[in-house]
Amino acid sequence: MYKKVLCVFAAANLAGCVTAPHPGGVEGAMAPRIVKDKHDIPTWTNVGSFGPIKAGDEVHAEATCATLDNDKQTFRAEGYHSAAIALNGEKFVGGGYYCVAKKRH
């Protein structure tokens, strides 16, 4: 597992860099879970526990993440975990995907 460094533009117009977790090369033992952050926005815990998307499941993964698309962002699948846990505390049937946002141009 490894981490990417992302630069972000803060609301106060101050630029800064943060380390963001990234799915690993294999599925981790600790299942990722969706929780709400301090701003009440759903987010994943244990992102590093996501492994690669299963071979042959790429189309389904992309279609699943595309359901999150909006007028400002599109989403793509970057990871999969067979025991990912939903906000309600139950496992996603068939596992869950780590979806990454990309700004629309």
Protein backbone atom coordinates (compact mmCIF):
# COMPACT_ATOMS: atom_id res chain seq x y z
CA MET A 1 0.00 0.00 0.00
CA TYR A 2 1.19 3.51 -0.67
CA LYS A 3 -0.01 7.08 -0.38
CA LYS A 4 -0.29 9.87 -2.92
CA VAL A 5 0.50 13.46 -2.13
CA LEU A 6 -2.23 15.84 -3.25
CA CYS A 7 -2.11 19.61 -3.25
CA VAL A 8 -5.32 21.35 -2.24
CA PHE A 9 -6.52 24.93 -2.38
CA ALA A 10 -7.93 25.89 1.01
CA ALA A 11 -11.09 27.96 1.44
CA ALA A 12 -8.99 30.76 2.90
CA ASN A 13 -7.10 30.92 -0.42
CA LEU A 14 -4.01 29.34 1.10
CA ALA A 15 -2.35 26.57 -0.85
CA GLY A 16 -1.18 23.48 0.98
CA CYS A 17 -0.35 19.83 0.48
CA VAL A 18 -1.88 16.86 2.25
CA THR A 19 -1.16 13.15 2.20
CA ALA A 20 -4.18 11.22 1.00
CA PRO A 21 -4.56 7.46 1.38
CA HIS A 22 -4.71 5.36 -1.75
CA PRO A 23 -5.98 1.82 -2.38
CA GLY A 24 -3.27 -0.81 -2.21
CA GLY A 25 -2.17 -3.67 -4.42
CA VAL A 26 -4.04 -6.23 -2.29
CA GLU A 27 -7.20 -6.14 -0.21
CA GLY A 28 -6.46 -5.42 3.46
CA ALA A 29 -7.83 -7.35 6.44
CA MET A 30 -9.58 -4.33 7.99
CA ALA A 31 -12.70 -3.54 5.98
CA PRO A 32 -13.20 0.08 4.90
CA ARG A 33 -16.36 1.73 6.22
CA ILE A 34 -18.33 4.81 5.21
CA VAL A 35 -18.67 7.33 8.05
CA LYS A 36 -19.67 10.99 8.15
CA ASP A 37 -16.88 13.49 8.74
CA LYS A 38 -17.12 16.62 10.92
CA HIS A 39 -18.94 18.40 8.06
CA ASP A 40 -21.50 15.57 7.82
CA ILE A 41 -20.03 14.40 4.49
CA PRO A 42 -19.80 10.62 3.92
CA THR A 43 -16.20 9.42 3.59
CA TRP A 44 -14.32 6.10 3.71
CA THR A 45 -12.17 4.92 6.61
CA ASN A 46 -9.25 2.53 5.96
CA VAL A 47 -8.85 3.53 2.30
CA GLY A 48 -5.56 1.64 2.20
CA SER A 49 -7.55 -1.58 2.76
CA PHE A 50 -9.11 -1.28 -0.69
CA GLY A 51 -7.38 -3.52 -3.19
CA PRO A 52 -7.50 -3.55 -6.96
CA ILE A 53 -10.77 -3.90 -8.83
CA LYS A 54 -11.43 -7.55 -9.65
CA ALA A 55 -10.52 -8.61 -13.19
CA GLY A 56 -13.61 -8.55 -15.37
CA ASP A 57 -15.46 -6.20 -12.98
CA GLU A 58 -14.14 -2.92 -14.39
CA VAL A 59 -17.33 -2.03 -16.31
CA HIS A 60 -19.53 -2.65 -13.25
CA ALA A 61 -17.14 -0.68 -11.04
CA GLU A 62 -17.14 2.33 -13.39
CA ALA A 63 -20.94 2.21 -13.75
CA THR A 64 -21.33 2.09 -9.97
CA CYS A 65 -19.04 5.09 -9.42
CA ALA A 66 -20.72 7.00 -12.27
CA THR A 67 -23.93 7.06 -10.21
CA LEU A 68 -22.17 9.71 -8.08
CA ASP A 69 -21.51 12.03 -11.07
CA ASN A 70 -22.86 15.57 -10.87
CA ASP A 71 -22.50 18.82 -12.82
CA LYS A 72 -19.12 19.59 -11.21
CA GLN A 73 -17.46 16.17 -10.93
CA THR A 74 -17.25 12.76 -12.51
CA PHE A 75 -16.22 9.70 -10.51
CA ARG A 76 -14.07 6.73 -11.44
CA ALA A 77 -13.43 3.47 -9.61
CA GLU A 78 -9.98 3.14 -8.09
CA GLY A 79 -10.33 0.29 -5.59
CA TYR A 80 -12.49 -2.59 -4.35
CA HIS A 81 -13.02 -4.38 -1.04
CA SER A 82 -15.18 -7.48 -0.70
CA ALA A 83 -16.29 -6.64 2.87
CA ALA A 84 -16.76 -2.84 2.58
CA ILE A 85 -19.27 -1.49 5.11
CA ALA A 86 -22.04 1.00 4.31
CA LEU A 87 -23.04 4.00 6.40
CA ASN A 88 -25.77 1.91 8.06
CA GLY A 89 -23.14 -0.53 9.38
CA GLU A 90 -24.01 -3.38 7.01
CA LYS A 91 -21.68 -4.90 4.41
CA PHE A 92 -22.31 -3.91 0.81
CA VAL A 93 -23.71 -6.91 -1.06
CA GLY A 94 -20.94 -7.93 -3.45
CA GLY A 95 -18.40 -5.53 -1.90
CA GLY A 96 -17.76 -1.81 -2.30
CA TYR A 97 -15.74 0.46 -4.56
CA TYR A 98 -13.49 3.39 -3.77
CA CYS A 99 -14.61 6.13 -6.15
CA VAL A 100 -12.39 9.12 -6.91
CA ALA A 101 -13.76 12.50 -8.07
CA LYS A 102 -12.42 14.37 -11.05
CA LYS A 103 -13.50 17.94 -11.88
CA ARG A 104 -15.41 18.41 -15.10
CA HIS A 105 -13.84 20.79 -17.59
